[in-house]
C-alpha atoms as a PDB file:
ATOM      1  CA  MET A   1     -79.237 114.862 -87.609  1.00  0.00           C
ATOM      2  CA  ILE A   2     -78.303 116.726 -84.462  1.00  0.00           C
ATOM      3  CA  LYS A   3     -80.777 119.298 -83.156  1.00  0.00           C
ATOM      4  CA  THR A   4     -80.835 121.376 -79.988  1.00  0.00           C
ATOM      5  CA  VAL A   5     -83.222 123.802 -78.355  1.00  0.00           C
ATOM      6  CA  PRO A   6     -82.019 126.487 -78.583  1.00  0.00           C
ATOM      7  CA  PRO A   7     -80.125 125.976 -81.853  1.00  0.00           C
ATOM      8  CA  GLY A   8     -76.507 127.011 -82.393  1.00  0.00           C
ATOM      9  CA  ALA A   9     -74.633 124.567 -80.146  1.00  0.00           C
ATOM     10  CA  SER A  10     -71.125 123.537 -81.214  1.00  0.00           C
ATOM     11  CA  ILE A  11     -70.807 119.837 -82.034  1.00  0.00           C
ATOM     12  CA  SER A  12     -67.855 117.591 -81.161  1.00  0.00           C
ATOM     13  CA  ILE A  13     -67.650 113.860 -81.889  1.00  0.00           C
ATOM     14  CA  ASP A  14     -65.378 111.764 -79.641  1.00  0.00           C
ATOM     15  CA  GLY A  15     -63.549 114.919 -78.600  1.00  0.00           C
ATOM     16  CA  ASP A  16     -62.997 116.184 -82.154  1.00  0.00           C
ATOM     17  CA  ALA A  17     -64.610 119.513 -83.057  1.00  0.00           C
ATOM     18  CA  THR A  18     -66.693 119.208 -86.219  1.00  0.00           C
ATOM     19  CA  GLY A  19     -66.876 122.930 -86.943  1.00  0.00           C
ATOM     20  CA  ARG A  20     -70.656 122.516 -87.199  1.00  0.00           C
ATOM     21  CA  ARG A  21     -73.461 124.027 -85.137  1.00  0.00           C
ATOM     22  CA  THR A  22     -76.921 122.668 -84.522  1.00  0.00           C
ATOM     23  CA  PRO A  23     -79.059 121.881 -86.376  1.00  0.00           C
ATOM     24  CA  ALA A  24     -76.658 119.898 -88.526  1.00  0.00           C
ATOM     25  CA  GLU A  25     -76.031 116.534 -90.086  1.00  0.00           C
ATOM     26  CA  VAL A  26     -72.662 115.032 -89.229  1.00  0.00           C
ATOM     27  CA  ALA A  27     -71.819 112.000 -91.349  1.00  0.00           C
ATOM     28  CA  LEU A  28     -69.730 109.151 -89.968  1.00  0.00           C
ATOM     29  CA  PRO A  29     -68.217 106.342 -91.994  1.00  0.00           C
ATOM     30  CA  PRO A  30     -69.741 102.957 -91.077  1.00  0.00           C
ATOM     31  CA  ALA A  31     -66.515 101.816 -89.371  1.00  0.00           C
ATOM     32  CA  ARG A  32     -66.694 104.707 -86.891  1.00  0.00           C
ATOM     33  CA  ALA A  33     -70.336 104.210 -85.926  1.00  0.00           C
ATOM     34  CA  THR A  34     -69.775 101.754 -83.093  1.00  0.00           C
ATOM     35  CA  SER A  35     -70.106 103.939 -80.016  1.00  0.00           C
ATOM     36  CA  VAL A  36     -69.584 107.686 -80.163  1.00  0.00           C
ATOM     37  CA  ALA A  37     -69.719 110.520 -77.664  1.00  0.00           C
ATOM     38  CA  VAL A  38     -71.379 113.679 -78.948  1.00  0.00           C
ATOM     39  CA  ALA A  39     -70.631 116.875 -77.025  1.00  0.00           C
ATOM     40  CA  LEU A  40     -72.894 119.902 -77.418  1.00  0.00           C
ATOM     41  CA  SER A  41     -71.873 123.300 -76.090  1.00  0.00           C
ATOM     42  CA  LEU A  42     -73.487 126.708 -76.219  1.00  0.00           C
ATOM     43  CA  ARG A  43     -72.578 129.755 -74.142  1.00  0.00           C
ATOM     44  CA  GLY A  44     -74.993 130.205 -71.245  1.00  0.00           C
ATOM     45  CA  PHE A  45     -76.074 126.561 -71.270  1.00  0.00           C
ATOM     46  CA  CYS A  46     -74.758 123.413 -69.614  1.00  0.00           C
ATOM     47  CA  PHE A  47     -72.277 121.328 -71.567  1.00  0.00           C
ATOM     48  CA  THR A  48     -74.196 118.255 -72.771  1.00  0.00           C
ATOM     49  CA  LEU A  49     -72.792 114.791 -73.532  1.00  0.00           C
ATOM     50  CA  VAL A  50     -74.776 112.194 -75.447  1.00  0.00           C
ATOM     51  CA  ARG A  51     -73.484 108.670 -76.081  1.00  0.00           C
ATOM     52  CA  ILE A  52     -74.799 106.855 -79.136  1.00  0.00           C
ATOM     53  CA  GLU A  53     -74.326 103.088 -79.190  1.00  0.00           C
ATOM     54  CA  ALA A  54     -74.038 100.978 -82.353  1.00  0.00           C
ATOM     55  CA  ILE A  55     -77.594  99.651 -82.029  1.00  0.00           C
ATOM     56  CA  GLU A  56     -78.978 103.198 -82.349  1.00  0.00           C
ATOM     57  CA  PHE A  57     -77.477 103.762 -85.810  1.00  0.00           C
ATOM     58  CA  ILE A  58     -79.428 103.037 -88.973  1.00  0.00           C
ATOM     59  CA  GLU A  59     -77.342 101.814 -91.881  1.00  0.00           C
ATOM     60  CA  GLN A  60     -77.611 103.614 -95.195  1.00  0.00           C
ATOM     61  CA  PRO A  61     -75.592 102.774 -98.332  1.00  0.00           C
ATOM     62  CA  ASP A  62     -72.689 105.145 -97.614  1.00  0.00           C
ATOM     63  CA  LYS A  63     -73.102 106.178 -93.965  1.00  0.00           C
ATOM     64  CA  MET A  64     -74.576 105.360 -90.592  1.00  0.00           C
ATOM     65  CA  VAL A  65     -77.369 107.639 -89.328  1.00  0.00           C
ATOM     66  CA  ALA A  66     -78.549 108.476 -85.818  1.00  0.00           C
ATOM     67  CA  THR A  67     -80.730 111.338 -84.622  1.00  0.00           C
ATOM     68  CA  ILE A  68     -80.108 113.446 -81.543  1.00  0.00           C
ATOM     69  CA  ALA A  69     -82.624 115.999 -80.243  1.00  0.00           C
ATOM     70  CA  GLU A  70     -81.583 117.691 -77.001  1.00  0.00           C
ATOM     71  CA  THR A  71     -83.021 120.567 -74.989  1.00  0.00           C
ATOM     72  CA  LEU A  72     -80.071 122.403 -73.470  1.00  0.00           C
ATOM     73  CA  VAL A  73     -80.259 123.353 -69.796  1.00  0.00           C
ATOM     74  CA  PRO A  74     -79.471 126.982 -68.905  1.00  0.00           C
ATOM     75  CA  GLU A  75     -76.498 127.370 -66.575  1.00  0.00           C
ATOM     76  CA  GLY A  76     -77.683 128.009 -63.033  1.00  0.00           C
ATOM     77  CA  ASP A  77     -76.463 130.735 -60.753  1.00  0.00           C
ATOM     78  CA  VAL A  78     -73.976 128.710 -58.708  1.00  0.00           C
ATOM     79  CA  PHE A  79     -74.303 131.202 -55.855  1.00  0.00           C
ATOM     80  CA  ALA A  80     -78.122 131.047 -55.658  1.00  0.00           C
ATOM     81  CA  GLU A  81     -78.446 127.471 -54.364  1.00  0.00           C
ATOM     82  CA  PRO A  82     -75.949 125.055 -52.843  1.00  0.00           C
ATOM     83  CA  HIS A  83     -76.438 122.459 -55.605  1.00  0.00           C
ATOM     84  CA  ALA A  84     -77.120 124.714 -58.584  1.00  0.00           C
ATOM     85  CA  GLY A  85     -75.045 124.297 -61.686  1.00  0.00           C
ATOM     86  CA  CYS A  86     -74.685 121.806 -64.488  1.00  0.00           C
ATOM     87  CA  PRO A  87     -74.641 118.021 -64.299  1.00  0.00           C
ATOM     88  CA  ARG A  88     -71.454 116.285 -65.485  1.00  0.00           C
ATOM     89  CA  GLY A  89     -70.815 113.064 -67.415  1.00  0.00           C
ATOM     90  CA  PHE A  90     -73.055 110.328 -68.750  1.00  0.00           C
ATOM     91  CA  ASP A  91     -76.126 108.977 -66.984  1.00  0.00           C
END
């Protein structure tokens, strides 16, 4: 399950758009659940990347399950402060 605050973010998995918006369940076949990058984007908020490693998945009979709950950060006014704006990349 992928959830965001606020809801409505577009979901991409490893660069592939899913066509889904949060909150949503995006199923992956077990073979694909090794390490995935989940991108969340919503107008007016910073683009968010979350990496899920194999150890974070829980195996179910026909799929692998992981839960993501992210609070999206509003885009800053890049002219208000010298370092305002959105962070990039993975931590």
